[in-house]
């Protein structure tokens, strides 16, 4: 039997990003875990919520929600970079998280472009 291949959806990508980030945030020092760590976790969950909302929204109401999701994604990029600059993430962790959030951002941007043509 042939194994089926599929491209993971945006929701799945954010879900996987949350899982990989959660494990790293859990290992942060206590003072950072409850400040920047909590901020990152909350923003990922809000991003997931916005994407789910955009999925069920009628076509002409999706674009504003997607712009909010894009802003959350940009904030996450900044917060992850800040963790790296504060030496809370090593280079390997930073590159892994940054590549995941870059891909999520590209997918959101593509969805925004598609929503404009509808």
PDB file of N, CA and C in Angstrom:
ATOM      1  N   UNK A   1       0.839  -1.175   0.000  1.00  0.00           N
ATOM      2  CA  UNK A   1       0.000   0.000   0.000  1.00  0.00           C
ATOM      3  C   UNK A   1       0.886   1.239   0.000  1.00  0.00           C
ATOM      4  N   UNK A   2       0.562   2.189  -0.846  1.00  0.00           N
ATOM      5  CA  UNK A   2       1.346   3.411  -0.974  1.00  0.00           C
ATOM      6  C   UNK A   2       0.969   4.411   0.123  1.00  0.00           C
ATOM      7  N   UNK A   3       1.979   5.028   0.715  1.00  0.00           N
ATOM      8  CA  UNK A   3       1.754   6.007   1.769  1.00  0.00           C
ATOM      9  C   UNK A   3       1.299   7.331   1.147  1.00  0.00           C
ATOM     10  N   UNK A   4       0.249   7.895   1.674  1.00  0.00           N
ATOM     11  CA  UNK A   4      -0.261   9.164   1.156  1.00  0.00           C
ATOM     12  C   UNK A   4       0.582  10.318   1.663  1.00  0.00           C
ATOM     13  N   UNK A   5       0.885  11.247   0.779  1.00  0.00           N
ATOM     14  CA  UNK A   5       1.624  12.441   1.162  1.00  0.00           C
ATOM     15  C   UNK A   5       0.682  13.629   1.101  1.00  0.00           C
ATOM     16  N   UNK A   6       0.820  14.531   2.054  1.00  0.00           N
ATOM     17  CA  UNK A   6       0.008  15.739   2.056  1.00  0.00           C
ATOM     18  C   UNK A   6       0.795  16.878   2.662  1.00  0.00           C
ATOM     19  N   UNK A   7       0.416  18.085   2.275  1.00  0.00           N
ATOM     20  CA  UNK A   7       1.024  19.270   2.878  1.00  0.00           C
ATOM     21  C   UNK A   7       0.192  19.641   4.097  1.00  0.00           C
ATOM     22  N   UNK A   8       0.839  19.780   5.235  1.00  0.00           N
ATOM     23  CA  UNK A   8       0.083  20.132   6.438  1.00  0.00           C
ATOM     24  C   UNK A   8      -0.587  21.501   6.301  1.00  0.00           C
ATOM     25  N   UNK A   9      -1.764  21.610   6.853  1.00  0.00           N
ATOM     26  CA  UNK A   9      -2.493  22.876   6.805  1.00  0.00           C
ATOM     27  C   UNK A   9      -1.843  23.886   7.747  1.00  0.00           C
ATOM     28  N   UNK A  10      -2.275  25.114   7.628  1.00  0.00           N
ATOM     29  CA  UNK A  10      -1.764  26.189   8.471  1.00  0.00           C
ATOM     30  C   UNK A  10      -2.047  25.910   9.951  1.00  0.00           C
ATOM     31  N   UNK A  11      -3.217  25.402  10.241  1.00  0.00           N
ATOM     32  CA  UNK A  11      -3.565  25.085  11.634  1.00  0.00           C
ATOM     33  C   UNK A  11      -2.599  24.045  12.186  1.00  0.00           C
ATOM     34  N   UNK A  12      -2.308  23.033  11.395  1.00  0.00           N
ATOM     35  CA  UNK A  12      -1.386  21.988  11.831  1.00  0.00           C
ATOM     36  C   UNK A  12       0.023  22.553  12.041  1.00  0.00           C
ATOM     37  N   UNK A  13       0.459  23.455  11.162  1.00  0.00           N
ATOM     38  CA  UNK A  13       1.791  24.070  11.298  1.00  0.00           C
ATOM     39  C   UNK A  13       1.886  24.864  12.602  1.00  0.00           C
ATOM     40  N   UNK A  14       0.841  25.632  12.903  1.00  0.00           N
ATOM     41  CA  UNK A  14       0.833  26.421  14.145  1.00  0.00           C
ATOM     42  C   UNK A  14       0.799  25.494  15.354  1.00  0.00           C
ATOM     43  N   UNK A  15       0.024  24.426  15.253  1.00  0.00           N
ATOM     44  CA  UNK A  15      -0.056  23.432  16.315  1.00  0.00           C
ATOM     45  C   UNK A  15       1.319  22.835  16.600  1.00  0.00           C
ATOM     46  N   UNK A  16       2.028  22.416  15.549  1.00  0.00           N
ATOM     47  CA  UNK A  16       3.361  21.850  15.696  1.00  0.00           C
ATOM     48  C   UNK A  16       4.349  22.901  16.235  1.00  0.00           C
ATOM     49  N   UNK A  17       4.193  24.144  15.791  1.00  0.00           N
ATOM     50  CA  UNK A  17       5.037  25.227  16.290  1.00  0.00           C
ATOM     51  C   UNK A  17       4.821  25.421  17.789  1.00  0.00           C
ATOM     52  N   UNK A  18       3.568  25.359  18.220  1.00  0.00           N
ATOM     53  CA  UNK A  18       3.270  25.488  19.647  1.00  0.00           C
ATOM     54  C   UNK A  18       3.940  24.369  20.439  1.00  0.00           C
ATOM     55  N   UNK A  19       3.838  23.142  19.948  1.00  0.00           N
ATOM     56  CA  UNK A  19       4.443  22.007  20.655  1.00  0.00           C
ATOM     57  C   UNK A  19       5.952  22.168  20.795  1.00  0.00           C
ATOM     58  N   UNK A  20       6.614  22.551  19.716  1.00  0.00           N
ATOM     59  CA  UNK A  20       8.073  22.695  19.799  1.00  0.00           C
ATOM     60  C   UNK A  20       8.470  23.899  20.653  1.00  0.00           C
ATOM     61  N   UNK A  21       7.683  24.955  20.623  1.00  0.00           N
ATOM     62  CA  UNK A  21       7.977  26.131  21.435  1.00  0.00           C
ATOM     63  C   UNK A  21       7.708  25.857  22.915  1.00  0.00           C
ATOM     64  N   UNK A  22       6.628  25.155  23.189  1.00  0.00           N
ATOM     65  CA  UNK A  22       6.242  24.869  24.570  1.00  0.00           C
ATOM     66  C   UNK A  22       7.374  24.157  25.316  1.00  0.00           C
ATOM     67  N   UNK A  23       7.978  23.177  24.678  1.00  0.00           N
ATOM     68  CA  UNK A  23       9.066  22.434  25.323  1.00  0.00           C
ATOM     69  C   UNK A  23      10.262  23.330  25.621  1.00  0.00           C
ATOM     70  N   UNK A  24      10.532  24.259  24.733  1.00  0.00           N
ATOM     71  CA  UNK A  24      11.665  25.171  24.939  1.00  0.00           C
ATOM     72  C   UNK A  24      11.344  26.207  26.024  1.00  0.00           C
ATOM     73  N   UNK A  25      10.112  26.706  26.024  1.00  0.00           N
ATOM     74  CA  UNK A  25       9.718  27.711  27.013  1.00  0.00           C
ATOM     75  C   UNK A  25       9.691  27.122  28.417  1.00  0.00           C
ATOM     76  N   UNK A  26       9.366  25.849  28.503  1.00  0.00           N
ATOM     77  CA  UNK A  26       9.294  25.186  29.807  1.00  0.00           C
ATOM     78  C   UNK A  26      10.662  25.097  30.478  1.00  0.00           C
ATOM     79  N   UNK A  27      11.712  25.193  29.685  1.00  0.00           N
ATOM     80  CA  UNK A  27      13.078  25.098  30.219  1.00  0.00           C
ATOM     81  C   UNK A  27      13.709  26.461  30.485  1.00  0.00           C
ATOM     82  N   UNK A  28      12.968  27.533  30.244  1.00  0.00           N
ATOM     83  CA  UNK A  28      13.503  28.876  30.512  1.00  0.00           C
ATOM     84  C   UNK A  28      13.628  29.103  32.015  1.00  0.00           C
ATOM     85  N   UNK A  29      14.523  29.995  32.434  1.00  0.00           N
ATOM     86  CA  UNK A  29      14.567  30.369  33.849  1.00  0.00           C
ATOM     87  C   UNK A  29      13.209  30.924  34.292  1.00  0.00           C
ATOM     88  N   UNK A  30      12.907  30.742  35.549  1.00  0.00           N
ATOM     89  CA  UNK A  30      11.583  31.085  36.069  1.00  0.00           C
ATOM     90  C   UNK A  30      11.170  32.520  35.754  1.00  0.00           C
ATOM     91  N   UNK A  31      12.075  33.488  35.939  1.00  0.00           N
ATOM     92  CA  UNK A  31      11.701  34.888  35.713  1.00  0.00           C
ATOM     93  C   UNK A  31      11.365  35.144  34.244  1.00  0.00           C
ATOM     94  N   UNK A  32      12.017  34.434  33.311  1.00  0.00           N
ATOM     95  CA  UNK A  32      11.741  34.604  31.894  1.00  0.00           C
ATOM     96  C   UNK A  32      10.535  33.790  31.440  1.00  0.00           C
ATOM     97  N   UNK A  33      10.312  32.661  32.083  1.00  0.00           N
ATOM     98  CA  UNK A  33       9.193  31.799  31.719  1.00  0.00           C
ATOM     99  C   UNK A  33       7.864  32.519  31.939  1.00  0.00           C
ATOM    100  N   UNK A  34       7.792  33.316  32.998  1.00  0.00           N
ATOM    101  CA  UNK A  34       6.531  33.981  33.318  1.00  0.00           C
ATOM    102  C   UNK A  34       6.430  35.389  32.754  1.00  0.00           C
ATOM    103  N   UNK A  35       7.390  35.802  31.975  1.00  0.00           N
ATOM    104  CA  UNK A  35       7.296  37.099  31.298  1.00  0.00           C
ATOM    105  C   UNK A  35       7.277  36.864  29.793  1.00  0.00           C
ATOM    106  N   UNK A  36       8.442  36.809  29.181  1.00  0.00           N
ATOM    107  CA  UNK A  36       8.495  36.649  27.729  1.00  0.00           C
ATOM    108  C   UNK A  36       7.977  35.266  27.292  1.00  0.00           C
ATOM    109  N   UNK A  37       8.236  34.248  28.097  1.00  0.00           N
ATOM    110  CA  UNK A  37       7.750  32.907  27.766  1.00  0.00           C
ATOM    111  C   UNK A  37       6.236  32.859  27.696  1.00  0.00           C
ATOM    112  N   UNK A  38       5.589  33.472  28.678  1.00  0.00           N
ATOM    113  CA  UNK A  38       4.122  33.513  28.705  1.00  0.00           C
ATOM    114  C   UNK A  38       3.576  34.336  27.544  1.00  0.00           C
ATOM    115  N   UNK A  39       4.255  35.411  27.216  1.00  0.00           N
ATOM    116  CA  UNK A  39       3.847  36.266  26.095  1.00  0.00           C
ATOM    117  C   UNK A  39       3.898  35.487  24.773  1.00  0.00           C
ATOM    118  N   UNK A  40       4.974  34.736  24.581  1.00  0.00           N
ATOM    119  CA  UNK A  40       5.101  33.928  23.361  1.00  0.00           C
ATOM    120  C   UNK A  40       3.994  32.876  23.305  1.00  0.00           C
ATOM    121  N   UNK A  41       3.792  32.180  24.397  1.00  0.00           N
ATOM    122  CA  UNK A  41       2.770  31.137  24.435  1.00  0.00           C
ATOM    123  C   UNK A  41       1.383  31.715  24.149  1.00  0.00           C
ATOM    124  N   UNK A  42       1.055  32.831  24.777  1.00  0.00           N
ATOM    125  CA  UNK A  42      -0.254  33.447  24.549  1.00  0.00           C
ATOM    126  C   UNK A  42      -0.436  33.883  23.099  1.00  0.00           C
ATOM    127  N   UNK A  43       0.615  34.431  22.494  1.00  0.00           N
ATOM    128  CA  UNK A  43       0.517  34.880  21.109  1.00  0.00           C
ATOM    129  C   UNK A  43       0.355  33.719  20.138  1.00  0.00           C
ATOM    130  N   UNK A  44       0.998  32.605  20.409  1.00  0.00           N
ATOM    131  CA  UNK A  44       0.818  31.434  19.545  1.00  0.00           C
ATOM    132  C   UNK A  44      -0.624  30.944  19.633  1.00  0.00           C
ATOM    133  N   UNK A  45      -1.150  30.884  20.848  1.00  0.00           N
ATOM    134  CA  UNK A  45      -2.533  30.434  21.023  1.00  0.00           C
ATOM    135  C   UNK A  45      -3.522  31.410  20.381  1.00  0.00           C
ATOM    136  N   UNK A  46      -3.248  32.710  20.472  1.00  0.00           N
ATOM    137  CA  UNK A  46      -4.104  33.699  19.823  1.00  0.00           C
ATOM    138  C   UNK A  46      -4.014  33.586  18.303  1.00  0.00           C
ATOM    139  N   UNK A  47      -2.830  33.298  17.787  1.00  0.00           N
ATOM    140  CA  UNK A  47      -2.649  33.089  16.350  1.00  0.00           C
ATOM    141  C   UNK A  47      -3.457  31.883  15.890  1.00  0.00           C
ATOM    142  N   UNK A  48      -3.413  30.813  16.641  1.00  0.00           N
ATOM    143  CA  UNK A  48      -4.195  29.614  16.324  1.00  0.00           C
ATOM    144  C   UNK A  48      -5.690  29.926  16.335  1.00  0.00           C
ATOM    145  N   UNK A  49      -6.112  30.707  17.305  1.00  0.00           N
ATOM    146  CA  UNK A  49      -7.517  31.103  17.400  1.00  0.00           C
ATOM    147  C   UNK A  49      -7.941  31.957  16.195  1.00  0.00           C
ATOM    148  N   UNK A  50      -7.093  32.897  15.801  1.00  0.00           N
ATOM    149  CA  UNK A  50      -7.410  33.750  14.652  1.00  0.00           C
ATOM    150  C   UNK A  50      -7.505  32.953  13.355  1.00  0.00           C
ATOM    151  N   UNK A  51      -6.608  32.003  13.164  1.00  0.00           N
ATOM    152  CA  UNK A  51      -6.636  31.191  11.947  1.00  0.00           C
ATOM    153  C   UNK A  51      -7.889  30.315  11.920  1.00  0.00           C
ATOM    154  N   UNK A  52      -8.250  29.754  13.064  1.00  0.00           N
ATOM    155  CA  UNK A  52      -9.489  28.979  13.126  1.00  0.00           C
ATOM    156  C   UNK A  52     -10.693  29.853  12.826  1.00  0.00           C
ATOM    157  N   UNK A  53     -10.700  31.068  13.336  1.00  0.00           N
ATOM    158  CA  UNK A  53     -11.786  32.007  13.071  1.00  0.00           C
ATOM    159  C   UNK A  53     -11.853  32.358  11.589  1.00  0.00           C
ATOM    160  N   UNK A  54     -10.700  32.591  10.974  1.00  0.00           N
ATOM    161  CA  UNK A  54     -10.657  32.911   9.544  1.00  0.00           C
ATOM    162  C   UNK A  54     -11.173  31.740   8.710  1.00  0.00           C
ATOM    163  N   UNK A  55     -10.907  30.512   9.156  1.00  0.00           N
ATOM    164  CA  UNK A  55     -11.372  29.326   8.437  1.00  0.00           C
ATOM    165  C   UNK A  55     -12.890  29.241   8.358  1.00  0.00           C
ATOM    166  N   UNK A  56     -13.574  29.676   9.393  1.00  0.00           N
ATOM    167  CA  UNK A  56     -15.034  29.537   9.414  1.00  0.00           C
ATOM    168  C   UNK A  56     -15.755  30.806   8.977  1.00  0.00           C
ATOM    169  N   UNK A  57     -15.013  31.867   8.759  1.00  0.00           N
ATOM    170  CA  UNK A  57     -15.605  33.159   8.393  1.00  0.00           C
ATOM    171  C   UNK A  57     -15.998  33.180   6.912  1.00  0.00           C
ATOM    172  N   UNK A  58     -17.013  33.982   6.587  1.00  0.00           N
ATOM    173  CA  UNK A  58     -17.370  34.130   5.185  1.00  0.00           C
ATOM    174  C   UNK A  58     -16.265  34.899   4.472  1.00  0.00           C
ATOM    175  N   UNK A  59     -16.155  34.700   3.165  1.00  0.00           N
ATOM    176  CA  UNK A  59     -15.002  35.163   2.395  1.00  0.00           C
ATOM    177  C   UNK A  59     -14.680  36.642   2.561  1.00  0.00           C
ATOM    178  N   UNK A  60     -15.682  37.510   2.528  1.00  0.00           N
ATOM    179  CA  UNK A  60     -15.376  38.945   2.573  1.00  0.00           C
ATOM    180  C   UNK A  60     -14.985  39.437   3.976  1.00  0.00           C
ATOM    181  N   UNK A  61     -15.111  38.610   4.996  1.00  0.00           N
ATOM    182  CA  UNK A  61     -14.721  39.000   6.357  1.00  0.00           C
ATOM    183  C   UNK A  61     -13.396  38.369   6.800  1.00  0.00           C
ATOM    184  N   UNK A  62     -12.792  37.567   5.945  1.00  0.00           N
ATOM    185  CA  UNK A  62     -11.555  36.872   6.315  1.00  0.00           C
ATOM    186  C   UNK A  62     -10.339  37.783   6.354  1.00  0.00           C
ATOM    187  N   UNK A  63     -10.252  38.696   5.410  1.00  0.00           N
ATOM    188  CA  UNK A  63      -9.024  39.475   5.264  1.00  0.00           C
ATOM    189  C   UNK A  63      -8.628  40.252   6.524  1.00  0.00           C
ATOM    190  N   UNK A  64      -9.561  40.956   7.194  1.00  0.00           N
ATOM    191  CA  UNK A  64      -9.148  41.661   8.428  1.00  0.00           C
ATOM    192  C   UNK A  64      -8.625  40.717   9.513  1.00  0.00           C
ATOM    193  N   UNK A  65      -9.206  39.537   9.608  1.00  0.00           N
ATOM    194  CA  UNK A  65      -8.756  38.559  10.601  1.00  0.00           C
ATOM    195  C   UNK A  65      -7.360  38.062  10.228  1.00  0.00           C
ATOM    196  N   UNK A  66      -7.132  37.856   8.940  1.00  0.00           N
ATOM    197  CA  UNK A  66      -5.821  37.398   8.482  1.00  0.00           C
ATOM    198  C   UNK A  66      -4.739  38.451   8.716  1.00  0.00           C
ATOM    199  N   UNK A  67      -5.111  39.723   8.599  1.00  0.00           N
ATOM    200  CA  UNK A  67      -4.141  40.788   8.887  1.00  0.00           C
ATOM    201  C   UNK A  67      -3.766  40.791  10.375  1.00  0.00           C
ATOM    202  N   UNK A  68      -4.737  40.523  11.241  1.00  0.00           N
ATOM    203  CA  UNK A  68      -4.437  40.413  12.671  1.00  0.00           C
ATOM    204  C   UNK A  68      -3.513  39.221  12.929  1.00  0.00           C
ATOM    205  N   UNK A  69      -3.784  38.118  12.239  1.00  0.00           N
ATOM    206  CA  UNK A  69      -2.945  36.928  12.379  1.00  0.00           C
ATOM    207  C   UNK A  69      -1.519  37.219  11.894  1.00  0.00           C
ATOM    208  N   UNK A  70      -1.404  37.967  10.817  1.00  0.00           N
ATOM    209  CA  UNK A  70      -0.088  38.335  10.292  1.00  0.00           C
ATOM    210  C   UNK A  70       0.675  39.199  11.298  1.00  0.00           C
ATOM    211  N   UNK A  71      -0.028  40.113  11.949  1.00  0.00           N
ATOM    212  CA  UNK A  71       0.601  40.954  12.969  1.00  0.00           C
ATOM    213  C   UNK A  71       1.078  40.105  14.149  1.00  0.00           C
ATOM    214  N   UNK A  72       0.283  39.123  14.559  1.00  0.00           N
ATOM    215  CA  UNK A  72       0.692  38.210  15.646  1.00  0.00           C
ATOM    216  C   UNK A  72       1.941  37.434  15.243  1.00  0.00           C
ATOM    217  N   UNK A  73       1.957  36.994  13.991  1.00  0.00           N
ATOM    218  CA  UNK A  73       3.106  36.251  13.482  1.00  0.00           C
ATOM    219  C   UNK A  73       4.366  37.115  13.515  1.00  0.00           C
ATOM    220  N   UNK A  74       4.248  38.358  13.102  1.00  0.00           N
ATOM    221  CA  UNK A  74       5.394  39.273  13.131  1.00  0.00           C
ATOM    222  C   UNK A  74       5.871  39.529  14.553  1.00  0.00           C
ATOM    223  N   UNK A  75       4.940  39.645  15.483  1.00  0.00           N
ATOM    224  CA  UNK A  75       5.304  39.823  16.887  1.00  0.00           C
ATOM    225  C   UNK A  75       6.036  38.588  17.419  1.00  0.00           C
ATOM    226  N   UNK A  76       5.573  37.409  17.024  1.00  0.00           N
ATOM    227  CA  UNK A  76       6.241  36.179  17.450  1.00  0.00           C
ATOM    228  C   UNK A  76       7.674  36.116  16.928  1.00  0.00           C
ATOM    229  N   UNK A  77       7.879  36.539  15.690  1.00  0.00           N
ATOM    230  CA  UNK A  77       9.235  36.573  15.137  1.00  0.00           C
ATOM    231  C   UNK A  77      10.137  37.459  15.992  1.00  0.00           C
ATOM    232  N   UNK A  78       9.604  38.605  16.374  1.00  0.00           N
ATOM    233  CA  UNK A  78      10.363  39.547  17.194  1.00  0.00           C
ATOM    234  C   UNK A  78      10.666  38.977  18.580  1.00  0.00           C
ATOM    235  N   UNK A  79       9.676  38.351  19.199  1.00  0.00           N
ATOM    236  CA  UNK A  79       9.873  37.792  20.539  1.00  0.00           C
ATOM    237  C   UNK A  79      10.861  36.626  20.534  1.00  0.00           C
ATOM    238  N   UNK A  80      10.812  35.818  19.487  1.00  0.00           N
ATOM    239  CA  UNK A  80      11.750  34.705  19.382  1.00  0.00           C
ATOM    240  C   UNK A  80      13.169  35.228  19.187  1.00  0.00           C
ATOM    241  N   UNK A  81      13.299  36.271  18.368  1.00  0.00           N
ATOM    242  CA  UNK A  81      14.617  36.892  18.171  1.00  0.00           C
ATOM    243  C   UNK A  81      15.125  37.475  19.487  1.00  0.00           C
ATOM    244  N   UNK A  82      14.220  38.073  20.251  1.00  0.00           N
ATOM    245  CA  UNK A  82      14.590  38.640  21.545  1.00  0.00           C
ATOM    246  C   UNK A  82      15.103  37.545  22.485  1.00  0.00           C
ATOM    247  N   UNK A  83      14.441  36.402  22.496  1.00  0.00           N
ATOM    248  CA  UNK A  83      14.906  35.282  23.328  1.00  0.00           C
ATOM    249  C   UNK A  83      16.300  34.837  22.921  1.00  0.00           C
ATOM    250  N   UNK A  84      16.553  34.816  21.633  1.00  0.00           N
ATOM    251  CA  UNK A  84      17.886  34.439  21.152  1.00  0.00           C
ATOM    252  C   UNK A  84      18.918  35.478  21.586  1.00  0.00           C
ATOM    253  N   UNK A  85      18.592  36.753  21.424  1.00  0.00           N
ATOM    254  CA  UNK A  85      19.521  37.821  21.800  1.00  0.00           C
ATOM    255  C   UNK A  85      19.775  37.871  23.307  1.00  0.00           C
ATOM    256  N   UNK A  86      18.810  37.403  24.099  1.00  0.00           N
ATOM    257  CA  UNK A  86      18.974  37.344  25.551  1.00  0.00           C
ATOM    258  C   UNK A  86      19.633  36.029  26.001  1.00  0.00           C
ATOM    259  N   UNK A  87      20.051  35.235  25.023  1.00  0.00           N
ATOM    260  CA  UNK A  87      20.674  33.934  25.277  1.00  0.00           C
ATOM    261  C   UNK A  87      19.750  32.958  26.004  1.00  0.00           C
ATOM    262  N   UNK A  88      18.447  33.089  25.764  1.00  0.00           N
ATOM    263  CA  UNK A  88      17.479  32.150  26.325  1.00  0.00           C
ATOM    264  C   UNK A  88      17.304  30.953  25.402  1.00  0.00           C
ATOM    265  N   UNK A  89      17.545  31.156  24.108  1.00  0.00           N
ATOM    266  CA  UNK A  89      17.548  30.083  23.120  1.00  0.00           C
ATOM    267  C   UNK A  89      18.943  30.014  22.517  1.00  0.00           C
ATOM    268  N   UNK A  90      19.418  28.808  22.276  1.00  0.00           N
ATOM    269  CA  UNK A  90      20.686  28.690  21.576  1.00  0.00           C
ATOM    270  C   UNK A  90      20.441  28.858  20.071  1.00  0.00           C
ATOM    271  N   UNK A  91      21.509  28.870  19.307  1.00  0.00           N
ATOM    272  CA  UNK A  91      21.382  29.139  17.867  1.00  0.00           C
ATOM    273  C   UNK A  91      20.541  28.079  17.160  1.00  0.00           C
ATOM    274  N   UNK A  92      20.732  26.848  17.538  1.00  0.00           N
ATOM    275  CA  UNK A  92      19.975  25.748  16.923  1.00  0.00           C
ATOM    276  C   UNK A  92      18.473  25.880  17.192  1.00  0.00           C
ATOM    277  N   UNK A  93      18.107  26.176  18.438  1.00  0.00           N
ATOM    278  CA  UNK A  93      16.698  26.363  18.790  1.00  0.00           C
ATOM    279  C   UNK A  93      16.114  27.555  18.035  1.00  0.00           C
ATOM    280  N   UNK A  94      16.878  28.635  17.990  1.00  0.00           N
ATOM    281  CA  UNK A  94      16.416  29.841  17.303  1.00  0.00           C
ATOM    282  C   UNK A  94      16.158  29.571  15.821  1.00  0.00           C
ATOM    283  N   UNK A  95      17.089  28.917  15.167  1.00  0.00           N
ATOM    284  CA  UNK A  95      16.936  28.643  13.736  1.00  0.00           C
ATOM    285  C   UNK A  95      15.727  27.743  13.491  1.00  0.00           C
ATOM    286  N   UNK A  96      15.533  26.765  14.325  1.00  0.00           N
ATOM    287  CA  UNK A  96      14.386  25.865  14.194  1.00  0.00           C
ATOM    288  C   UNK A  96      13.064  26.622  14.329  1.00  0.00           C
ATOM    289  N   UNK A  97      12.949  27.414  15.390  1.00  0.00           N
ATOM    290  CA  UNK A  97      11.710  28.164  15.615  1.00  0.00           C
ATOM    291  C   UNK A  97      11.501  29.238  14.556  1.00  0.00           C
ATOM    292  N   UNK A  98      12.571  29.906  14.191  1.00  0.00           N
ATOM    293  CA  UNK A  98      12.472  30.981  13.203  1.00  0.00           C
ATOM    294  C   UNK A  98      12.033  30.439  11.843  1.00  0.00           C
ATOM    295  N   UNK A  99      12.547  29.290  11.445  1.00  0.00           N
ATOM    296  CA  UNK A  99      12.152  28.727  10.150  1.00  0.00           C
ATOM    297  C   UNK A  99      10.681  28.310  10.168  1.00  0.00           C
ATOM    298  N   UNK A 100      10.213  27.799  11.305  1.00  0.00           N
ATOM    299  CA  UNK A 100       8.801  27.425  11.408  1.00  0.00           C
ATOM    300  C   UNK A 100       7.895  28.648  11.331  1.00  0.00           C
ATOM    301  N   UNK A 101       8.243  29.704  12.046  1.00  0.00           N
ATOM    302  CA  UNK A 101       7.389  30.892  12.057  1.00  0.00           C
ATOM    303  C   UNK A 101       7.468  31.628  10.716  1.00  0.00           C
ATOM    304  N   UNK A 102       8.610  31.538  10.035  1.00  0.00           N
ATOM    305  CA  UNK A 102       8.728  32.129   8.693  1.00  0.00           C
ATOM    306  C   UNK A 102       7.762  31.433   7.736  1.00  0.00           C
ATOM    307  N   UNK A 103       7.714  30.109   7.806  1.00  0.00           N
ATOM    308  CA  UNK A 103       6.818  29.349   6.933  1.00  0.00           C
ATOM    309  C   UNK A 103       5.361  29.674   7.235  1.00  0.00           C
ATOM    310  N   UNK A 104       5.026  29.800   8.499  1.00  0.00           N
ATOM    311  CA  UNK A 104       3.657  30.166   8.892  1.00  0.00           C
ATOM    312  C   UNK A 104       3.319  31.545   8.347  1.00  0.00           C
ATOM    313  N   UNK A 105       4.254  32.480   8.468  1.00  0.00           N
ATOM    314  CA  UNK A 105       4.042  33.832   7.952  1.00  0.00           C
ATOM    315  C   UNK A 105       3.816  33.852   6.448  1.00  0.00           C
ATOM    316  N   UNK A 106       4.574  33.041   5.721  1.00  0.00           N
ATOM    317  CA  UNK A 106       4.400  32.964   4.268  1.00  0.00           C
ATOM    318  C   UNK A 106       3.031  32.398   3.911  1.00  0.00           C
ATOM    319  N   UNK A 107       2.590  31.413   4.668  1.00  0.00           N
ATOM    320  CA  UNK A 107       1.275  30.823   4.408  1.00  0.00           C
ATOM    321  C   UNK A 107       0.161  31.831   4.674  1.00  0.00           C
ATOM    322  N   UNK A 108       0.293  32.595   5.736  1.00  0.00           N
ATOM    323  CA  UNK A 108      -0.712  33.632   6.039  1.00  0.00           C
ATOM    324  C   UNK A 108      -0.699  34.691   4.944  1.00  0.00           C
ATOM    325  N   UNK A 109       0.491  35.116   4.518  1.00  0.00           N
ATOM    326  CA  UNK A 109       0.608  36.101   3.444  1.00  0.00           C
ATOM    327  C   UNK A 109      -0.028  35.611   2.145  1.00  0.00           C
ATOM    328  N   UNK A 110       0.182  34.349   1.835  1.00  0.00           N
ATOM    329  CA  UNK A 110      -0.436  33.768   0.650  1.00  0.00           C
ATOM    330  C   UNK A 110      -1.941  33.736   0.750  1.00  0.00           C
ATOM    331  N   UNK A 111      -2.443  33.458   1.934  1.00  0.00           N
ATOM    332  CA  UNK A 111      -3.895  33.429   2.144  1.00  0.00           C
ATOM    333  C   UNK A 111      -4.481  34.838   2.011  1.00  0.00           C
ATOM    334  N   UNK A 112      -3.752  35.832   2.497  1.00  0.00           N
ATOM    335  CA  UNK A 112      -4.200  37.228   2.355  1.00  0.00           C
ATOM    336  C   UNK A 112      -4.282  37.595   0.878  1.00  0.00           C
ATOM    337  N   UNK A 113      -3.264  37.257   0.113  1.00  0.00           N
ATOM    338  CA  UNK A 113      -3.270  37.551  -1.328  1.00  0.00           C
ATOM    339  C   UNK A 113      -4.442  36.858  -2.010  1.00  0.00           C
ATOM    340  N   UNK A 114      -4.681  35.607  -1.640  1.00  0.00           N
ATOM    341  CA  UNK A 114      -5.803  34.859  -2.216  1.00  0.00           C
ATOM    342  C   UNK A 114      -7.141  35.510  -1.834  1.00  0.00           C
ATOM    343  N   UNK A 115      -7.249  35.960  -0.584  1.00  0.00           N
ATOM    344  CA  UNK A 115      -8.502  36.574  -0.114  1.00  0.00           C
ATOM    345  C   UNK A 115      -8.781  37.877  -0.875  1.00  0.00           C
ATOM    346  N   UNK A 116      -7.758  38.591  -1.271  1.00  0.00           N
ATOM    347  CA  UNK A 116      -7.933  39.844  -2.031  1.00  0.00           C
ATOM    348  C   UNK A 116      -8.495  39.599  -3.415  1.00  0.00           C
ATOM    349  N   UNK A 117      -8.186  38.454  -3.993  1.00  0.00           N
ATOM    350  CA  UNK A 117      -8.665  38.158  -5.341  1.00  0.00           C
ATOM    351  C   UNK A 117     -10.084  37.625  -5.366  1.00  0.00           C
ATOM    352  N   UNK A 118     -10.596  37.254  -4.225  1.00  0.00           N
ATOM    353  CA  UNK A 118     -11.954  36.692  -4.154  1.00  0.00           C
ATOM    354  C   UNK A 118     -13.004  37.766  -4.232  1.00  0.00           C
TER     355      UNK A 118
END
